[in-house]
């Protein structure tokens, strides 16, 4: 059992519940519905967090595109032998 857990209520349709039960009954890794749902939720949250970070980075790059291009041009020029 995982320590320091909270109980939440989640409502799912019967087809999804059947799939969860099928996975838990044939898995050594997920011994209960809760274990499977915790793993799935943790994976989803990590994925969403990564998407948000990438979106933030994209916005920063877009906002500073011209300055970054100028810095890159200057850097390349400094590296090019004359």
C-alpha atoms as a PDB file:
ATOM      1  CA  UNK A   1       0.000   0.000   0.000  1.00  0.00           C
ATOM      2  CA  UNK A   2       1.158   3.487  -0.798  1.00  0.00           C
ATOM      3  CA  UNK A   3       1.668   5.728   2.235  1.00  0.00           C
ATOM      4  CA  UNK A   4       0.114   9.146   2.747  1.00  0.00           C
ATOM      5  CA  UNK A   5      -2.780   8.693   0.324  1.00  0.00           C
ATOM      6  CA  UNK A   6      -6.126  10.441   0.092  1.00  0.00           C
ATOM      7  CA  UNK A   7      -9.371   8.919  -1.061  1.00  0.00           C
ATOM      8  CA  UNK A   8     -11.218  10.483  -3.969  1.00  0.00           C
ATOM      9  CA  UNK A   9     -14.388   9.407  -5.724  1.00  0.00           C
ATOM     10  CA  UNK A  10     -14.226   8.817  -9.459  1.00  0.00           C
ATOM     11  CA  UNK A  11     -17.200   7.871 -11.572  1.00  0.00           C
ATOM     12  CA  UNK A  12     -16.498   5.797 -14.674  1.00  0.00           C
ATOM     13  CA  UNK A  13     -18.677   4.039 -17.189  1.00  0.00           C
ATOM     14  CA  UNK A  14     -19.080   0.270 -16.995  1.00  0.00           C
ATOM     15  CA  UNK A  15     -16.964  -0.385 -20.101  1.00  0.00           C
ATOM     16  CA  UNK A  16     -14.003   1.484 -18.611  1.00  0.00           C
ATOM     17  CA  UNK A  17     -14.450  -0.290 -15.288  1.00  0.00           C
ATOM     18  CA  UNK A  18     -14.460  -3.634 -17.088  1.00  0.00           C
ATOM     19  CA  UNK A  19     -11.163  -2.696 -18.775  1.00  0.00           C
ATOM     20  CA  UNK A  20      -9.660  -1.659 -15.440  1.00  0.00           C
ATOM     21  CA  UNK A  21     -10.763  -4.941 -13.883  1.00  0.00           C
ATOM     22  CA  UNK A  22      -9.355  -6.887 -16.838  1.00  0.00           C
ATOM     23  CA  UNK A  23      -5.989  -5.152 -16.486  1.00  0.00           C
ATOM     24  CA  UNK A  24      -5.787  -5.587 -12.738  1.00  0.00           C
ATOM     25  CA  UNK A  25      -6.782  -9.248 -12.867  1.00  0.00           C
ATOM     26  CA  UNK A  26      -4.034 -10.076 -15.365  1.00  0.00           C
ATOM     27  CA  UNK A  27      -1.281  -7.841 -13.953  1.00  0.00           C
ATOM     28  CA  UNK A  28       1.426  -8.427 -11.404  1.00  0.00           C
ATOM     29  CA  UNK A  29       2.124  -4.710 -11.269  1.00  0.00           C
ATOM     30  CA  UNK A  30      -1.389  -3.435 -10.577  1.00  0.00           C
ATOM     31  CA  UNK A  31      -2.845  -5.434  -7.730  1.00  0.00           C
ATOM     32  CA  UNK A  32      -5.956  -3.273  -7.377  1.00  0.00           C
ATOM     33  CA  UNK A  33      -8.093  -0.772  -9.213  1.00  0.00           C
ATOM     34  CA  UNK A  34      -6.606   1.949  -7.055  1.00  0.00           C
ATOM     35  CA  UNK A  35      -3.048   0.982  -7.971  1.00  0.00           C
ATOM     36  CA  UNK A  36      -3.870   1.102 -11.671  1.00  0.00           C
ATOM     37  CA  UNK A  37      -5.747   4.403 -11.411  1.00  0.00           C
ATOM     38  CA  UNK A  38      -2.909   5.949  -9.368  1.00  0.00           C
ATOM     39  CA  UNK A  39      -0.348   4.899 -11.986  1.00  0.00           C
ATOM     40  CA  UNK A  40      -2.500   6.102 -14.875  1.00  0.00           C
ATOM     41  CA  UNK A  41      -3.218   9.425 -13.187  1.00  0.00           C
ATOM     42  CA  UNK A  42       0.435   9.974 -12.279  1.00  0.00           C
ATOM     43  CA  UNK A  43       1.445   9.294 -15.891  1.00  0.00           C
ATOM     44  CA  UNK A  44      -1.216  11.646 -17.231  1.00  0.00           C
ATOM     45  CA  UNK A  45      -0.286  14.423 -14.812  1.00  0.00           C
ATOM     46  CA  UNK A  46       3.425  14.101 -15.677  1.00  0.00           C
ATOM     47  CA  UNK A  47       2.587  14.233 -19.392  1.00  0.00           C
ATOM     48  CA  UNK A  48       0.367  17.307 -18.978  1.00  0.00           C
ATOM     49  CA  UNK A  49       3.034  19.037 -16.871  1.00  0.00           C
ATOM     50  CA  UNK A  50       5.601  18.404 -19.620  1.00  0.00           C
ATOM     51  CA  UNK A  51       3.226  19.806 -22.260  1.00  0.00           C
ATOM     52  CA  UNK A  52       2.735  22.958 -20.182  1.00  0.00           C
ATOM     53  CA  UNK A  53       6.491  23.430 -19.782  1.00  0.00           C
ATOM     54  CA  UNK A  54       7.024  22.969 -23.514  1.00  0.00           C
ATOM     55  CA  UNK A  55       4.233  25.456 -24.265  1.00  0.00           C
ATOM     56  CA  UNK A  56       5.796  27.989 -21.898  1.00  0.00           C
ATOM     57  CA  UNK A  57       9.184  27.520 -23.552  1.00  0.00           C
ATOM     58  CA  UNK A  58       7.613  27.942 -27.000  1.00  0.00           C
ATOM     59  CA  UNK A  59       5.980  31.220 -25.932  1.00  0.00           C
ATOM     60  CA  UNK A  60       9.274  32.525 -24.514  1.00  0.00           C
ATOM     61  CA  UNK A  61      11.127  31.637 -27.705  1.00  0.00           C
ATOM     62  CA  UNK A  62       8.418  33.271 -29.835  1.00  0.00           C
ATOM     63  CA  UNK A  63       8.510  36.426 -27.735  1.00  0.00           C
ATOM     64  CA  UNK A  64      12.299  36.705 -28.105  1.00  0.00           C
ATOM     65  CA  UNK A  65      12.716  35.263 -31.590  1.00  0.00           C
ATOM     66  CA  UNK A  66      14.387  38.309 -33.148  1.00  0.00           C
ATOM     67  CA  UNK A  67      16.838  38.836 -30.297  1.00  0.00           C
ATOM     68  CA  UNK A  68      17.737  35.135 -30.291  1.00  0.00           C
ATOM     69  CA  UNK A  69      18.282  35.176 -34.060  1.00  0.00           C
ATOM     70  CA  UNK A  70      20.582  38.195 -33.741  1.00  0.00           C
ATOM     71  CA  UNK A  71      22.565  36.527 -30.955  1.00  0.00           C
ATOM     72  CA  UNK A  72      22.880  33.343 -32.985  1.00  0.00           C
ATOM     73  CA  UNK A  73      24.058  35.246 -36.055  1.00  0.00           C
ATOM     74  CA  UNK A  74      26.666  37.065 -33.970  1.00  0.00           C
ATOM     75  CA  UNK A  75      27.798  33.820 -32.342  1.00  0.00           C
ATOM     76  CA  UNK A  76      28.193  32.062 -35.676  1.00  0.00           C
ATOM     77  CA  UNK A  77      30.072  35.058 -37.092  1.00  0.00           C
ATOM     78  CA  UNK A  78      32.452  34.961 -34.127  1.00  0.00           C
ATOM     79  CA  UNK A  79      33.097  31.251 -34.744  1.00  0.00           C
ATOM     80  CA  UNK A  80      33.723  31.577 -38.483  1.00  0.00           C
ATOM     81  CA  UNK A  81      37.416  31.862 -39.375  1.00  0.00           C
ATOM     82  CA  UNK A  82      38.309  34.885 -41.465  1.00  0.00           C
END
